[in-house]
Amino acid sequence: MALVEDPPVGAPMSSVRVLRAARSAERGLPSRSLLLVLGLMALLLLGGFLPLVGGAHAQAPKGQASGYPTFSVTFSGPSLMPANGSIHYVATASGGPAEQLDGTYTGNYTFSASVVGLNTAGSFVSPVSGAFVSRMINLTVGGLNQSGTYTLELNCTSHGKTNETEVFSQQFQVVFPYIIAATVKNLNAYTVSGAVISVLLDDTPVGAISVPSLLPSASAQVKYNYTSLGLSPGYHTFTLVLEGSAHLLEFSDGSTSYSVTFYVQGPAPDYTYYYLAGITAAVLAVFISLLFFGPRRVRRKRSP
């Protein structure tokens, strides 16, 4: 073991610190700097670990922590709305202070509704507020004339011994529909009621149209809005077919089937590849031209 002498009297403080550090090293003890670094590392590790421990106790659902099931509202309805049309939703509430842990309901639910989006001018929700009946409410949303994504928001409250209020939402998209229209007429001597017209797209049933009661010799225009995020490019055919009691009617051309064929334009072609290929070919042509036909050095003959 190396011996470290005591610093002489009057030695500089820097020498004293060096000698003391050397003594600590000889004794197998860490220096103050090392202890400080280790302490800081321990604090950092402890600070990162504590939130994880605390977070494990913060994950319990709000309802269960308060002695009742978790408050929730579910929606049933379409995801697409035709522009200037309407759609219907059924919202069902459960949990919260209105429901006991054994599944019995001792309270009630109320709500207020709104439509959220970039352009909601003219939109409506009916009813706009009120109480759930048997935990359910029927909602009609409409009046939107701009395509895009919108959100139906319900600010709901579960009433019991205490009250809990939460906001639940349902997204939907507004699209411009494909519309097929035709005129049907009744040439019989009696009124025809309850007629239904089947709607097919490319020979696949997609919906139906209810025809109003028609008096003898009366006619009516029927229309069907087909909502879709988009059809594949090419030709498509809508067909209206008079079936059941509707066979007593006919379309304006005297037939019991009416078809319309239309063409859906595909996306514009992407010419980027061709542009890049043309530019590359031009650069290569210039390079080859300079390589073979560029200026050449003329060698001078050496004088004898």
C-alpha atoms as a PDB file:
ATOM      1  CA  MET A   1       0.000   0.000   0.000  1.00  0.00           C
ATOM      2  CA  ALA A   2       1.417   3.376  -0.969  1.00  0.00           C
ATOM      3  CA  LEU A   3       2.002   5.864   1.788  1.00  0.00           C
ATOM      4  CA  VAL A   4       0.689   9.357   1.508  1.00  0.00           C
ATOM      5  CA  GLU A   5       2.419  11.945   3.533  1.00  0.00           C
ATOM      6  CA  ASP A   6       0.640  14.693   5.392  1.00  0.00           C
ATOM      7  CA  PRO A   7       0.864  17.996   3.597  1.00  0.00           C
ATOM      8  CA  PRO A   8       3.514  20.294   5.032  1.00  0.00           C
ATOM      9  CA  VAL A   9       2.432  23.266   7.048  1.00  0.00           C
ATOM     10  CA  GLY A  10       1.615  26.213   4.840  1.00  0.00           C
ATOM     11  CA  ALA A  11       0.983  24.049   1.775  1.00  0.00           C
ATOM     12  CA  PRO A  12      -1.616  25.362  -0.744  1.00  0.00           C
ATOM     13  CA  MET A  13      -5.219  24.254  -0.230  1.00  0.00           C
ATOM     14  CA  SER A  14      -5.249  22.507  -3.595  1.00  0.00           C
ATOM     15  CA  SER A  15      -2.459  20.263  -2.402  1.00  0.00           C
ATOM     16  CA  VAL A  16      -4.379  19.527   0.775  1.00  0.00           C
ATOM     17  CA  ARG A  17      -7.468  18.445  -1.202  1.00  0.00           C
ATOM     18  CA  VAL A  18      -5.399  16.236  -3.489  1.00  0.00           C
ATOM     19  CA  LEU A  19      -3.682  14.533  -0.580  1.00  0.00           C
ATOM     20  CA  ARG A  20      -6.979  13.953   1.288  1.00  0.00           C
ATOM     21  CA  ALA A  21      -8.561  12.481  -1.829  1.00  0.00           C
ATOM     22  CA  ALA A  22      -5.582  10.214  -2.201  1.00  0.00           C
ATOM     23  CA  ARG A  23      -5.974   9.071   1.401  1.00  0.00           C
ATOM     24  CA  SER A  24      -9.656   8.310   0.833  1.00  0.00           C
ATOM     25  CA  ALA A  25      -8.764   6.258  -2.207  1.00  0.00           C
ATOM     26  CA  GLU A  26      -6.171   4.313  -0.244  1.00  0.00           C
ATOM     27  CA  ARG A  27      -8.741   3.542   2.473  1.00  0.00           C
ATOM     28  CA  GLY A  28     -11.233   2.250  -0.144  1.00  0.00           C
ATOM     29  CA  LEU A  29     -13.676   5.111   0.591  1.00  0.00           C
ATOM     30  CA  PRO A  30     -15.400   7.079  -2.190  1.00  0.00           C
ATOM     31  CA  SER A  31     -14.590  10.740  -2.572  1.00  0.00           C
ATOM     32  CA  ARG A  32     -17.120  13.485  -1.896  1.00  0.00           C
ATOM     33  CA  SER A  33     -17.598  14.092  -5.635  1.00  0.00           C
ATOM     34  CA  LEU A  34     -18.391  10.431  -6.237  1.00  0.00           C
ATOM     35  CA  LEU A  35     -20.839  10.390  -3.332  1.00  0.00           C
ATOM     36  CA  LEU A  36     -22.544  13.490  -4.703  1.00  0.00           C
ATOM     37  CA  VAL A  37     -22.921  11.944  -8.163  1.00  0.00           C
ATOM     38  CA  LEU A  38     -24.284   8.711  -6.710  1.00  0.00           C
ATOM     39  CA  GLY A  39     -26.769  10.638  -4.578  1.00  0.00           C
ATOM     40  CA  LEU A  40     -28.049  12.607  -7.552  1.00  0.00           C
ATOM     41  CA  MET A  41     -28.457   9.426  -9.594  1.00  0.00           C
ATOM     42  CA  ALA A  42     -30.427   7.831  -6.756  1.00  0.00           C
ATOM     43  CA  LEU A  43     -32.730  10.845  -6.545  1.00  0.00           C
ATOM     44  CA  LEU A  44     -33.351  10.781 -10.298  1.00  0.00           C
ATOM     45  CA  LEU A  45     -34.147   7.071 -10.268  1.00  0.00           C
ATOM     46  CA  LEU A  46     -36.444   7.476  -7.293  1.00  0.00           C
ATOM     47  CA  GLY A  47     -38.219  10.423  -8.932  1.00  0.00           C
ATOM     48  CA  GLY A  48     -38.903   8.356 -12.053  1.00  0.00           C
ATOM     49  CA  PHE A  49     -40.109   5.370 -10.071  1.00  0.00           C
ATOM     50  CA  LEU A  50     -42.555   7.096  -7.740  1.00  0.00           C
ATOM     51  CA  PRO A  51     -44.986   8.268 -10.469  1.00  0.00           C
ATOM     52  CA  LEU A  52     -45.184   4.693 -11.716  1.00  0.00           C
ATOM     53  CA  VAL A  53     -46.065   3.456  -8.255  1.00  0.00           C
ATOM     54  CA  GLY A  54     -48.627   6.212  -7.755  1.00  0.00           C
ATOM     55  CA  GLY A  55     -50.083   5.661 -11.222  1.00  0.00           C
ATOM     56  CA  ALA A  56     -50.966   2.089 -10.380  1.00  0.00           C
ATOM     57  CA  HIS A  57     -53.483   3.410  -7.858  1.00  0.00           C
ATOM     58  CA  ALA A  58     -54.939   6.050 -10.215  1.00  0.00           C
ATOM     59  CA  GLN A  59     -56.336   3.684 -12.838  1.00  0.00           C
ATOM     60  CA  ALA A  60     -59.546   2.694 -11.083  1.00  0.00           C
ATOM     61  CA  PRO A  61     -62.652   3.836 -13.012  1.00  0.00           C
ATOM     62  CA  LYS A  62     -64.358   6.848 -11.520  1.00  0.00           C
ATOM     63  CA  GLY A  63     -67.671   5.096 -11.051  1.00  0.00           C
ATOM     64  CA  GLN A  64     -66.321   2.007  -9.338  1.00  0.00           C
ATOM     65  CA  ALA A  65     -64.240   4.137  -6.988  1.00  0.00           C
ATOM     66  CA  SER A  66     -67.444   5.967  -5.988  1.00  0.00           C
ATOM     67  CA  GLY A  67     -69.566   2.862  -5.490  1.00  0.00           C
ATOM     68  CA  TYR A  68     -71.435   2.694  -8.821  1.00  0.00           C
ATOM     69  CA  PRO A  69     -70.748   1.346 -12.347  1.00  0.00           C
ATOM     70  CA  THR A  70     -68.787   3.453 -14.824  1.00  0.00           C
ATOM     71  CA  PHE A  71     -70.954   6.052 -16.572  1.00  0.00           C
ATOM     72  CA  SER A  72     -71.240   5.458 -20.338  1.00  0.00           C
ATOM     73  CA  VAL A  73     -73.449   6.296 -23.330  1.00  0.00           C
ATOM     74  CA  THR A  74     -73.443   4.227 -26.535  1.00  0.00           C
ATOM     75  CA  PHE A  75     -74.727   5.257 -29.965  1.00  0.00           C
ATOM     76  CA  SER A  76     -76.479   3.182 -32.612  1.00  0.00           C
ATOM     77  CA  GLY A  77     -76.871   4.650 -36.095  1.00  0.00           C
ATOM     78  CA  PRO A  78     -75.228   5.296 -39.479  1.00  0.00           C
ATOM     79  CA  SER A  79     -71.816   6.833 -40.042  1.00  0.00           C
ATOM     80  CA  LEU A  80     -72.789   8.691 -43.241  1.00  0.00           C
ATOM     81  CA  MET A  81     -75.272  11.527 -43.701  1.00  0.00           C
ATOM     82  CA  PRO A  82     -76.412  12.836 -47.085  1.00  0.00           C
ATOM     83  CA  ALA A  83     -75.878  16.576 -47.502  1.00  0.00           C
ATOM     84  CA  ASN A  84     -79.117  18.453 -46.740  1.00  0.00           C
ATOM     85  CA  GLY A  85     -80.533  15.223 -45.337  1.00  0.00           C
ATOM     86  CA  SER A  86     -80.796  13.696 -41.873  1.00  0.00           C
ATOM     87  CA  ILE A  87     -79.877  10.588 -39.918  1.00  0.00           C
ATOM     88  CA  HIS A  88     -81.175   8.978 -36.739  1.00  0.00           C
ATOM     89  CA  TYR A  89     -79.347   7.733 -33.666  1.00  0.00           C
ATOM     90  CA  VAL A  90     -80.415   5.793 -30.593  1.00  0.00           C
ATOM     91  CA  ALA A  91     -78.352   6.713 -27.526  1.00  0.00           C
ATOM     92  CA  THR A  92     -78.364   4.361 -24.524  1.00  0.00           C
ATOM     93  CA  ALA A  93     -77.084   5.400 -21.085  1.00  0.00           C
ATOM     94  CA  SER A  94     -75.834   3.194 -18.274  1.00  0.00           C
ATOM     95  CA  GLY A  95     -73.833   3.455 -15.065  1.00  0.00           C
ATOM     96  CA  GLY A  96     -73.072   6.498 -12.993  1.00  0.00           C
ATOM     97  CA  PRO A  97     -74.949   7.411  -9.790  1.00  0.00           C
ATOM     98  CA  ALA A  98     -78.244   6.422 -11.443  1.00  0.00           C
ATOM     99  CA  GLU A  99     -77.260   2.734 -11.372  1.00  0.00           C
ATOM    100  CA  GLN A 100     -76.335   0.587  -8.421  1.00  0.00           C
ATOM    101  CA  LEU A 101     -73.554  -1.971  -8.479  1.00  0.00           C
ATOM    102  CA  ASP A 102     -76.159  -4.763  -8.531  1.00  0.00           C
ATOM    103  CA  GLY A 103     -77.563  -3.405 -11.822  1.00  0.00           C
ATOM    104  CA  THR A 104     -80.717  -1.759 -10.479  1.00  0.00           C
ATOM    105  CA  TYR A 105     -81.528   1.796 -11.577  1.00  0.00           C
ATOM    106  CA  THR A 106     -82.634   4.214  -8.896  1.00  0.00           C
ATOM    107  CA  GLY A 107     -81.973   7.493 -10.724  1.00  0.00           C
ATOM    108  CA  ASN A 108     -82.353   8.955 -14.207  1.00  0.00           C
ATOM    109  CA  TYR A 109     -80.338  10.494 -17.070  1.00  0.00           C
ATOM    110  CA  THR A 110     -80.617  13.884 -18.789  1.00  0.00           C
ATOM    111  CA  PHE A 111     -78.802  15.377 -21.758  1.00  0.00           C
ATOM    112  CA  SER A 112     -78.218  18.365 -24.000  1.00  0.00           C
ATOM    113  CA  ALA A 113     -77.062  17.858 -27.606  1.00  0.00           C
ATOM    114  CA  SER A 114     -75.041  19.816 -30.157  1.00  0.00           C
ATOM    115  CA  VAL A 115     -73.261  19.321 -33.482  1.00  0.00           C
ATOM    116  CA  VAL A 116     -69.582  20.225 -33.708  1.00  0.00           C
ATOM    117  CA  GLY A 117     -67.691  20.792 -36.968  1.00  0.00           C
ATOM    118  CA  LEU A 118     -66.131  23.327 -39.314  1.00  0.00           C
ATOM    119  CA  ASN A 119     -69.423  24.553 -40.779  1.00  0.00           C
ATOM    120  CA  THR A 120     -72.518  23.742 -38.730  1.00  0.00           C
ATOM    121  CA  ALA A 121     -74.706  26.604 -39.965  1.00  0.00           C
ATOM    122  CA  GLY A 122     -78.273  25.344 -40.344  1.00  0.00           C
ATOM    123  CA  SER A 123     -77.611  22.099 -38.452  1.00  0.00           C
ATOM    124  CA  PHE A 124     -80.071  20.769 -35.894  1.00  0.00           C
ATOM    125  CA  VAL A 125     -80.515  18.016 -33.313  1.00  0.00           C
ATOM    126  CA  SER A 126     -83.975  16.939 -32.261  1.00  0.00           C
ATOM    127  CA  PRO A 127     -84.666  16.798 -29.390  1.00  0.00           C
ATOM    128  CA  VAL A 128     -81.894  19.153 -28.363  1.00  0.00           C
ATOM    129  CA  SER A 129     -82.254  18.375 -24.644  1.00  0.00           C
ATOM    130  CA  GLY A 130     -84.372  16.365 -22.240  1.00  0.00           C
ATOM    131  CA  ALA A 131     -84.427  13.142 -20.255  1.00  0.00           C
ATOM    132  CA  PHE A 132     -83.713   9.572 -21.333  1.00  0.00           C
ATOM    133  CA  VAL A 133     -86.750   7.297 -21.368  1.00  0.00           C
ATOM    134  CA  SER A 134     -85.911   3.794 -20.121  1.00  0.00           C
ATOM    135  CA  ARG A 135     -82.266   4.863 -20.449  1.00  0.00           C
ATOM    136  CA  MET A 136     -82.728   5.535 -24.201  1.00  0.00           C
ATOM    137  CA  ILE A 137     -83.260   8.568 -26.413  1.00  0.00           C
ATOM    138  CA  ASN A 138     -83.980   8.822 -30.155  1.00  0.00           C
ATOM    139  CA  LEU A 139     -82.099  11.650 -31.861  1.00  0.00           C
ATOM    140  CA  THR A 140     -82.429  13.141 -35.348  1.00  0.00           C
ATOM    141  CA  VAL A 141     -79.445  15.044 -36.755  1.00  0.00           C
ATOM    142  CA  GLY A 142     -79.588  17.028 -39.998  1.00  0.00           C
ATOM    143  CA  GLY A 143     -79.384  20.343 -41.826  1.00  0.00           C
ATOM    144  CA  LEU A 144     -75.719  20.084 -42.842  1.00  0.00           C
ATOM    145  CA  ASN A 145     -74.936  21.085 -46.425  1.00  0.00           C
ATOM    146  CA  GLN A 146     -71.127  20.917 -46.446  1.00  0.00           C
ATOM    147  CA  SER A 147     -69.230  17.670 -46.806  1.00  0.00           C
ATOM    148  CA  GLY A 148     -66.807  16.749 -44.026  1.00  0.00           C
ATOM    149  CA  THR A 149     -66.491  15.094 -40.635  1.00  0.00           C
ATOM    150  CA  TYR A 150     -68.797  16.212 -37.831  1.00  0.00           C
ATOM    151  CA  THR A 151     -69.407  15.183 -34.233  1.00  0.00           C
ATOM    152  CA  LEU A 152     -72.654  14.737 -32.334  1.00  0.00           C
ATOM    153  CA  GLU A 153     -71.949  15.642 -28.704  1.00  0.00           C
ATOM    154  CA  LEU A 154     -74.165  14.746 -25.755  1.00  0.00           C
ATOM    155  CA  ASN A 155     -73.567  16.459 -22.448  1.00  0.00           C
ATOM    156  CA  CYS A 156     -75.123  13.827 -20.174  1.00  0.00           C
ATOM    157  CA  THR A 157     -75.767  13.698 -16.447  1.00  0.00           C
ATOM    158  CA  SER A 158     -76.401  10.591 -14.376  1.00  0.00           C
ATOM    159  CA  HIS A 159     -78.600  11.532 -11.421  1.00  0.00           C
ATOM    160  CA  GLY A 160     -78.595   9.574  -8.167  1.00  0.00           C
ATOM    161  CA  LYS A 161     -77.496  10.283  -4.623  1.00  0.00           C
ATOM    162  CA  THR A 162     -74.857  12.354  -6.365  1.00  0.00           C
ATOM    163  CA  ASN A 163     -74.622  13.649  -9.945  1.00  0.00           C
ATOM    164  CA  GLU A 164     -71.986  12.882 -12.549  1.00  0.00           C
ATOM    165  CA  THR A 165     -71.736  14.748 -15.852  1.00  0.00           C
ATOM    166  CA  GLU A 166     -69.768  13.540 -18.846  1.00  0.00           C
ATOM    167  CA  VAL A 167     -69.580  14.445 -22.561  1.00  0.00           C
ATOM    168  CA  PHE A 168     -70.068  11.589 -25.034  1.00  0.00           C
ATOM    169  CA  SER A 169     -69.612  11.914 -28.786  1.00  0.00           C
ATOM    170  CA  GLN A 170     -70.338  10.159 -32.061  1.00  0.00           C
ATOM    171  CA  GLN A 171     -68.578  11.073 -35.310  1.00  0.00           C
ATOM    172  CA  PHE A 172     -70.218  10.953 -38.729  1.00  0.00           C
ATOM    173  CA  GLN A 173     -69.431  12.145 -42.227  1.00  0.00           C
ATOM    174  CA  VAL A 174     -71.556  14.307 -44.506  1.00  0.00           C
ATOM    175  CA  VAL A 175     -71.290  13.354 -48.185  1.00  0.00           C
ATOM    176  CA  PHE A 176     -73.057  14.386 -51.356  1.00  0.00           C
ATOM    177  CA  PRO A 177     -75.230  11.401 -52.317  1.00  0.00           C
ATOM    178  CA  TYR A 178     -75.915   9.747 -55.641  1.00  0.00           C
ATOM    179  CA  ILE A 179     -79.549  10.502 -56.458  1.00  0.00           C
ATOM    180  CA  ILE A 180     -81.878   8.463 -58.629  1.00  0.00           C
ATOM    181  CA  ALA A 181     -85.391   9.763 -59.332  1.00  0.00           C
ATOM    182  CA  ALA A 182     -88.315   8.495 -61.368  1.00  0.00           C
ATOM    183  CA  THR A 183     -92.063   9.023 -61.864  1.00  0.00           C
ATOM    184  CA  VAL A 184     -94.608   6.296 -61.128  1.00  0.00           C
ATOM    185  CA  LYS A 185     -98.272   6.435 -62.082  1.00  0.00           C
ATOM    186  CA  ASN A 186    -101.452   4.569 -61.258  1.00  0.00           C
ATOM    187  CA  LEU A 187    -103.507   3.679 -64.339  1.00  0.00           C
ATOM    188  CA  ASN A 188    -105.976   1.581 -62.370  1.00  0.00           C
ATOM    189  CA  ALA A 189    -109.519   2.540 -61.470  1.00  0.00           C
ATOM    190  CA  TYR A 190    -108.786   2.236 -57.758  1.00  0.00           C
ATOM    191  CA  THR A 191    -106.315   3.631 -55.219  1.00  0.00           C
ATOM    192  CA  VAL A 192    -103.019   1.795 -54.747  1.00  0.00           C
ATOM    193  CA  SER A 193    -101.420   1.974 -51.274  1.00  0.00           C
ATOM    194  CA  GLY A 194     -98.385   0.472 -49.581  1.00  0.00           C
ATOM    195  CA  ALA A 195     -96.328   0.043 -52.730  1.00  0.00           C
ATOM    196  CA  VAL A 196     -92.556  -0.400 -52.290  1.00  0.00           C
ATOM    197  CA  ILE A 197     -89.860   0.032 -54.920  1.00  0.00           C
ATOM    198  CA  SER A 198     -86.614  -1.942 -54.589  1.00  0.00           C
ATOM    199  CA  VAL A 199     -83.378  -0.081 -55.330  1.00  0.00           C
ATOM    200  CA  LEU A 200     -80.403  -1.942 -56.786  1.00  0.00           C
ATOM    201  CA  LEU A 201     -76.889  -0.756 -57.545  1.00  0.00           C
ATOM    202  CA  ASP A 202     -75.068  -2.932 -60.046  1.00  0.00           C
ATOM    203  CA  ASP A 203     -77.660  -5.698 -59.396  1.00  0.00           C
ATOM    204  CA  THR A 204     -77.073  -5.539 -55.602  1.00  0.00           C
ATOM    205  CA  PRO A 205     -79.978  -4.414 -53.364  1.00  0.00           C
ATOM    206  CA  VAL A 206     -79.078  -1.210 -51.518  1.00  0.00           C
ATOM    207  CA  GLY A 207     -82.448   0.098 -50.290  1.00  0.00           C
ATOM    208  CA  ALA A 208     -86.131   0.650 -50.906  1.00  0.00           C
ATOM    209  CA  ILE A 209     -88.576   3.493 -51.579  1.00  0.00           C
ATOM    210  CA  SER A 210     -92.047   3.694 -50.051  1.00  0.00           C
ATOM    211  CA  VAL A 211     -94.572   5.028 -52.560  1.00  0.00           C
ATOM    212  CA  PRO A 212     -97.354   7.238 -51.207  1.00  0.00           C
ATOM    213  CA  SER A 213    -100.956   6.199 -51.845  1.00  0.00           C
ATOM    214  CA  LEU A 214    -101.935   6.989 -55.413  1.00  0.00           C
ATOM    215  CA  LEU A 215    -105.487   7.706 -56.548  1.00  0.00           C
ATOM    216  CA  PRO A 216    -106.649   6.452 -59.925  1.00  0.00           C
ATOM    217  CA  SER A 217    -104.757   8.153 -62.790  1.00  0.00           C
ATOM    218  CA  ALA A 218    -102.479   9.889 -60.280  1.00  0.00           C
ATOM    219  CA  SER A 219     -98.683   9.969 -60.450  1.00  0.00           C
ATOM    220  CA  ALA A 220     -95.845  10.746 -58.042  1.00  0.00           C
ATOM    221  CA  GLN A 221     -92.124  11.316 -58.227  1.00  0.00           C
ATOM    222  CA  VAL A 222     -89.961   9.010 -56.139  1.00  0.00           C
ATOM    223  CA  LYS A 223     -86.337   9.613 -55.211  1.00  0.00           C
ATOM    224  CA  TYR A 224     -83.569   7.673 -53.525  1.00  0.00           C
ATOM    225  CA  ASN A 225     -80.341   9.108 -52.058  1.00  0.00           C
ATOM    226  CA  TYR A 226     -77.481   6.652 -52.021  1.00  0.00           C
ATOM    227  CA  THR A 227     -74.771   7.752 -49.575  1.00  0.00           C
ATOM    228  CA  SER A 228     -71.268   6.429 -50.057  1.00  0.00           C
ATOM    229  CA  LEU A 229     -67.693   7.539 -49.504  1.00  0.00           C
ATOM    230  CA  GLY A 230     -67.187   6.920 -53.215  1.00  0.00           C
ATOM    231  CA  LEU A 231     -67.772   4.391 -55.958  1.00  0.00           C
ATOM    232  CA  SER A 232     -64.996   2.776 -57.944  1.00  0.00           C
ATOM    233  CA  PRO A 233     -64.129   4.432 -61.281  1.00  0.00           C
ATOM    234  CA  GLY A 234     -66.154   3.189 -64.227  1.00  0.00           C
ATOM    235  CA  TYR A 235     -69.791   2.624 -65.194  1.00  0.00           C
ATOM    236  CA  HIS A 236     -72.467   1.882 -62.587  1.00  0.00           C
ATOM    237  CA  THR A 237     -76.194   1.263 -62.867  1.00  0.00           C
ATOM    238  CA  PHE A 238     -79.061   2.106 -60.510  1.00  0.00           C
ATOM    239  CA  THR A 239     -82.228   0.080 -61.029  1.00  0.00           C
ATOM    240  CA  LEU A 240     -85.709   0.677 -59.554  1.00  0.00           C
ATOM    241  CA  VAL A 241     -88.005  -2.360 -59.538  1.00  0.00           C
ATOM    242  CA  LEU A 242     -91.755  -2.350 -58.795  1.00  0.00           C
ATOM    243  CA  GLU A 243     -92.476  -5.416 -56.667  1.00  0.00           C
ATOM    244  CA  GLY A 244     -95.374  -6.776 -54.612  1.00  0.00           C
ATOM    245  CA  SER A 245     -98.351  -4.429 -54.654  1.00  0.00           C
ATOM    246  CA  ALA A 246     -96.165  -2.022 -56.613  1.00  0.00           C
ATOM    247  CA  HIS A 247     -96.725  -4.149 -59.722  1.00  0.00           C
ATOM    248  CA  LEU A 248    -100.067  -2.378 -59.952  1.00  0.00           C
ATOM    249  CA  LEU A 249     -98.094   0.763 -60.803  1.00  0.00           C
ATOM    250  CA  GLU A 250     -95.763   1.538 -63.646  1.00  0.00           C
ATOM    251  CA  PHE A 251     -93.083   4.022 -64.477  1.00  0.00           C
ATOM    252  CA  SER A 252     -93.679   6.872 -66.878  1.00  0.00           C
ATOM    253  CA  ASP A 253     -92.353   4.811 -69.796  1.00  0.00           C
ATOM    254  CA  GLY A 254     -94.896   2.038 -69.077  1.00  0.00           C
ATOM    255  CA  SER A 255     -92.374  -0.432 -67.595  1.00  0.00           C
ATOM    256  CA  THR A 256     -92.082  -1.939 -64.110  1.00  0.00           C
ATOM    257  CA  SER A 257     -88.303  -1.463 -64.023  1.00  0.00           C
ATOM    258  CA  TYR A 258     -86.347   1.740 -64.457  1.00  0.00           C
ATOM    259  CA  SER A 259     -82.533   1.969 -64.824  1.00  0.00           C
ATOM    260  CA  VAL A 260     -79.976   4.751 -64.985  1.00  0.00           C
ATOM    261  CA  THR A 261     -76.339   4.167 -65.945  1.00  0.00           C
ATOM    262  CA  PHE A 262     -73.676   6.703 -65.024  1.00  0.00           C
ATOM    263  CA  TYR A 263     -69.903   6.987 -65.117  1.00  0.00           C
ATOM    264  CA  VAL A 264     -67.637   7.712 -62.162  1.00  0.00           C
ATOM    265  CA  GLN A 265     -64.448   9.530 -63.087  1.00  0.00           C
ATOM    266  CA  GLY A 266     -61.273   8.138 -61.578  1.00  0.00           C
ATOM    267  CA  PRO A 267     -58.500  10.217 -60.021  1.00  0.00           C
ATOM    268  CA  ALA A 268     -56.326  12.237 -62.378  1.00  0.00           C
ATOM    269  CA  PRO A 269     -53.301  10.272 -63.615  1.00  0.00           C
ATOM    270  CA  ASP A 270     -49.984  10.944 -61.922  1.00  0.00           C
ATOM    271  CA  TYR A 271     -47.380  11.919 -64.503  1.00  0.00           C
ATOM    272  CA  THR A 272     -44.560  12.461 -62.009  1.00  0.00           C
ATOM    273  CA  TYR A 273     -42.740   9.305 -63.124  1.00  0.00           C
ATOM    274  CA  TYR A 274     -42.860  10.347 -66.760  1.00  0.00           C
ATOM    275  CA  TYR A 275     -41.633  13.847 -65.921  1.00  0.00           C
ATOM    276  CA  LEU A 276     -38.664  12.451 -64.000  1.00  0.00           C
ATOM    277  CA  ALA A 277     -37.894   9.970 -66.785  1.00  0.00           C
ATOM    278  CA  GLY A 278     -37.937  12.761 -69.368  1.00  0.00           C
ATOM    279  CA  ILE A 279     -35.650  14.999 -67.310  1.00  0.00           C
ATOM    280  CA  THR A 280     -33.234  12.104 -66.724  1.00  0.00           C
ATOM    281  CA  ALA A 281     -33.157  11.274 -70.433  1.00  0.00           C
ATOM    282  CA  ALA A 282     -32.470  14.919 -71.323  1.00  0.00           C
ATOM    283  CA  VAL A 283     -29.589  15.152 -68.838  1.00  0.00           C
ATOM    284  CA  LEU A 284     -28.074  11.940 -70.167  1.00  0.00           C
ATOM    285  CA  ALA A 285     -28.389  13.187 -73.741  1.00  0.00           C
ATOM    286  CA  VAL A 286     -26.546  16.412 -72.887  1.00  0.00           C
ATOM    287  CA  PHE A 287     -23.846  14.495 -71.017  1.00  0.00           C
ATOM    288  CA  ILE A 288     -23.289  12.077 -73.928  1.00  0.00           C
ATOM    289  CA  SER A 289     -23.183  14.952 -76.395  1.00  0.00           C
ATOM    290  CA  LEU A 290     -20.529  16.769 -74.383  1.00  0.00           C
ATOM    291  CA  LEU A 291     -18.572  13.554 -73.941  1.00  0.00           C
ATOM    292  CA  PHE A 292     -18.368  12.616 -77.626  1.00  0.00           C
ATOM    293  CA  PHE A 293     -18.852  15.879 -79.469  1.00  0.00           C
ATOM    294  CA  GLY A 294     -17.351  18.436 -77.090  1.00  0.00           C
ATOM    295  CA  PRO A 295     -14.235  20.490 -77.939  1.00  0.00           C
ATOM    296  CA  ARG A 296     -11.111  18.436 -78.436  1.00  0.00           C
ATOM    297  CA  ARG A 297      -7.572  19.457 -77.797  1.00  0.00           C
ATOM    298  CA  VAL A 298      -5.390  19.851 -80.869  1.00  0.00           C
ATOM    299  CA  ARG A 299      -2.011  18.322 -80.484  1.00  0.00           C
ATOM    300  CA  ARG A 300       0.845  20.385 -81.872  1.00  0.00           C
ATOM    301  CA  LYS A 301       3.548  18.649 -83.755  1.00  0.00           C
ATOM    302  CA  ARG A 302       6.939  18.892 -82.187  1.00  0.00           C
ATOM    303  CA  SER A 303       9.508  20.664 -84.261  1.00  0.00           C
ATOM    304  CA  PRO A 304      12.456  18.484 -85.301  1.00  0.00           C
END
